Protein backbone atom coordinates (compact mmCIF):
# COMPACT_ATOMS: atom_id res chain seq x y z
CA MET A 1 87.55 250.37 90.60
CA ASN A 2 84.94 253.02 89.77
CA ARG A 3 84.81 253.31 86.01
CA PHE A 4 81.46 255.10 85.94
CA PRO A 5 79.56 257.39 88.29
CA ARG A 6 77.34 255.65 90.80
CA VAL A 7 73.71 256.41 91.50
CA LEU A 8 73.02 258.13 94.78
CA GLY A 9 71.00 257.06 97.76
CA VAL A 10 68.82 254.00 97.63
CA ARG A 11 68.47 254.03 93.85
CA SER A 12 69.53 251.01 91.84
CA GLY A 13 72.11 250.96 89.07
CA TYR A 14 74.04 248.40 87.06
CA ASP A 15 76.13 245.91 89.04
CA PRO A 16 79.69 247.32 88.95
CA VAL A 17 81.31 243.87 89.03
CA GLN A 18 79.47 242.74 85.87
CA VAL A 19 80.00 246.05 84.05
CA ASP A 20 83.72 246.14 84.90
CA ALA A 21 84.19 242.54 83.71
CA LEU A 22 82.61 243.31 80.34
CA VAL A 23 84.54 246.58 79.95
CA ARG A 24 87.83 244.77 80.69
CA ARG A 25 87.04 242.23 77.95
CA ILE A 26 86.09 245.01 75.51
CA GLU A 27 89.32 246.89 76.24
CA GLY A 28 91.28 243.67 75.75
CA THR A 29 89.55 243.09 72.41
CA LEU A 30 90.45 246.62 71.34
CA GLY A 31 94.08 246.12 72.39
CA ARG A 32 93.89 248.52 75.34
CA GLY A 33 94.50 245.86 77.96
CA THR A 34 95.08 242.14 78.37
CA LEU A 35 92.46 239.91 76.84
CA ASP A 36 91.34 237.06 79.05
CA GLY A 37 89.19 234.69 77.02
CA ALA A 38 87.51 235.18 73.67
CA PRO A 39 87.30 238.64 72.06
CA VAL A 40 84.02 240.47 72.57
CA THR A 41 81.74 240.76 69.56
CA ALA A 42 79.39 243.62 68.74
CA ASP A 43 76.44 241.25 69.16
CA GLU A 44 77.63 240.33 72.63
CA ILE A 45 77.75 244.01 73.61
CA ARG A 46 74.26 244.56 72.22
CA ALA A 47 72.91 241.57 74.15
CA SER A 48 74.58 242.45 77.45
CA ASN A 49 72.32 242.64 80.51
CA PHE A 50 73.40 243.54 84.00
CA ARG A 51 71.87 242.89 87.38
CA THR A 52 70.90 245.99 89.29
CA ARG A 53 71.90 246.81 92.82
CA ARG A 54 71.72 249.78 95.14
CA GLY A 55 74.51 252.24 94.59
CA GLY A 56 75.47 250.64 91.27
CA TYR A 57 76.73 252.38 88.15
CA HIS A 58 74.51 255.00 86.55
CA GLU A 59 72.66 253.12 83.80
CA VAL A 60 72.53 255.92 81.22
CA VAL A 61 76.27 256.59 81.48
CA VAL A 62 77.10 252.89 81.09
CA ASP A 63 74.72 252.58 78.13
CA TYR A 64 76.39 255.53 76.38
CA ALA A 65 79.83 254.04 77.01
CA LEU A 66 78.71 250.68 75.61
CA GLU A 67 77.43 252.46 72.48
CA ALA A 68 80.87 254.05 72.04
CA PHE A 69 82.56 250.69 72.57
CA LEU A 70 80.17 249.15 70.05
CA VAL A 71 81.25 251.67 67.41
CA ALA A 72 84.91 251.03 68.24
CA ILE A 73 84.46 247.25 67.91
CA GLU A 74 82.57 247.54 64.61
CA THR A 75 85.00 250.00 63.01
CA ARG A 76 88.31 248.50 64.16
CA PRO A 77 90.57 247.32 61.36
CA ALA A 78 90.13 243.71 60.40
CA GLU A 79 92.79 241.31 61.55
CA PRO A 80 95.04 239.95 58.81
CA GLN A 81 93.59 236.89 57.13
CA THR A 82 95.28 233.88 55.70
CA PRO A 83 94.98 233.58 51.92
CA GLU A 84 92.57 230.67 52.38
CA ALA A 85 90.31 232.65 54.72
CA TRP A 86 90.42 235.64 52.38
CA SER A 87 89.45 233.47 49.38
CA ALA A 88 86.62 231.83 51.32
CA ALA A 89 85.27 235.22 52.41
CA GLU A 90 85.40 236.58 48.86
CA ALA A 91 83.68 233.43 47.52
CA GLU A 92 80.87 233.95 50.03
CA LYS A 93 80.42 237.53 48.81
CA VAL A 94 80.06 236.28 45.23
CA GLU A 95 77.63 233.56 46.32
CA ARG A 96 75.45 236.14 48.10
CA ALA A 97 75.35 238.51 45.13
CA ALA A 98 71.83 239.54 44.18
CA PHE A 99 70.86 241.72 41.27
CA ARG A 100 67.75 243.72 40.53
CA PRO A 101 65.61 242.66 37.58
CA GLY A 102 66.38 244.38 34.29
CA ARG A 103 64.45 247.53 33.49
CA LEU A 104 61.87 247.66 30.74
CA GLY A 105 62.25 243.94 30.12
CA LEU A 106 65.93 244.24 29.21
CA GLY A 107 68.75 242.55 31.12
CA TYR A 108 71.49 239.93 31.13
CA ASP A 109 70.51 236.27 30.83
CA GLU A 110 70.24 235.03 34.42
CA ASP A 111 71.51 231.51 33.67
CA GLU A 112 74.66 232.80 31.95
CA VAL A 113 75.45 235.24 34.75
CA ASP A 114 74.84 232.59 37.42
CA ALA A 115 77.07 230.08 35.61
CA PHE A 116 79.86 232.66 35.34
CA LEU A 117 79.53 233.52 39.03
CA ASP A 118 79.77 229.80 39.83
CA ARG A 119 83.08 229.69 37.93
CA ILE A 120 84.35 232.67 39.94
CA VAL A 121 83.38 230.95 43.21
CA ALA A 122 85.16 227.76 42.08
CA THR A 123 88.25 229.84 41.29
CA LEU A 124 88.22 231.51 44.70
CA ARG A 125 87.74 228.19 46.47
CA GLY A 126 90.46 226.53 44.36
CA THR A 127 88.15 223.78 43.09
CA THR A 128 88.55 224.26 39.34
CA ASP A 129 91.08 223.26 36.72
CA GLN A 130 90.29 226.40 34.70
CA PRO A 131 90.49 229.37 37.06
CA VAL A 132 88.94 232.68 36.05
CA THR A 133 91.36 235.60 35.84
CA CYS A 134 90.64 239.28 36.35
CA ASP A 135 90.98 239.73 32.57
CA ASP A 136 88.35 237.02 32.01
CA VAL A 137 85.99 238.87 34.32
CA ARG A 138 86.58 242.19 32.56
CA ALA A 139 86.03 240.57 29.14
CA ALA A 140 82.89 238.65 30.16
CA THR A 141 79.85 239.16 27.96
CA PHE A 142 76.35 237.86 28.40
CA THR A 143 73.33 237.50 26.16
CA THR A 144 70.91 240.37 26.56
CA VAL A 145 67.34 239.20 27.00
CA MET A 146 64.19 241.14 26.27
CA LEU A 147 60.78 240.55 27.81
CA ARG A 148 62.21 237.66 29.86
CA PRO A 149 63.61 237.63 33.35
CA GLY A 150 67.09 239.10 33.35
CA TYR A 151 69.51 240.85 35.69
CA ALA A 152 69.98 244.61 35.55
CA VAL A 153 72.92 245.29 33.26
CA ALA A 154 74.41 248.10 35.36
CA ASP A 155 74.22 246.02 38.57
CA VAL A 156 76.00 243.04 37.02
CA ASP A 157 78.65 245.20 35.33
CA ALA A 158 79.40 247.09 38.56
CA PHE A 159 79.61 243.89 40.59
CA LEU A 160 81.93 242.21 38.08
CA ALA A 161 84.18 245.29 37.99
CA GLY A 162 84.59 244.90 41.75
CA VAL A 163 85.24 241.17 41.39
CA ALA A 164 87.93 241.88 38.76
CA GLU A 165 89.66 244.31 41.14
CA THR A 166 89.43 241.76 43.94
CA LEU A 167 90.95 239.01 41.79
CA GLU A 168 93.68 241.32 40.54
CA HIS A 169 94.73 242.45 44.02
CA GLY A 170 94.09 239.06 45.59
CA VAL A 171 96.69 237.36 43.39
CA SER A 172 99.45 239.09 45.35
CA ARG A 173 98.13 237.75 48.70
């Protein structure tokens, strides 16, 4: 099946068999065909290499198509998650949170913020006897430090507002 235009004459292009196999897997991943094997990831598309052969597919056309497929893979809606997978993913987001240093030597006490974030992670992972609620997150206060290392107040407040929303909507999962 000719999915792409072929190069003319004795010029070399991408091997049609390899390109067609990858495109079939991509279409299966996107729900446009049957999926044989594991779904294709964006990284796999980026790392794809094809042999060349005379009369193969035009390389530029295939590369543009793969770019379009890459966008489609990266922007497709996420598959529904189990509540456990959702909680684990949210806990990882909290664990990876990083805040800028406070401006002009003014910020929230880093130890207090980190301890509170640890409680949120424990709540999301279900490993605490005293889970944090969205109201606890909204009511959280921290000591403001001056001329010591501290987290930027606006960054912490914005992050915790998002965490409160996540906890509030995640309860119904």
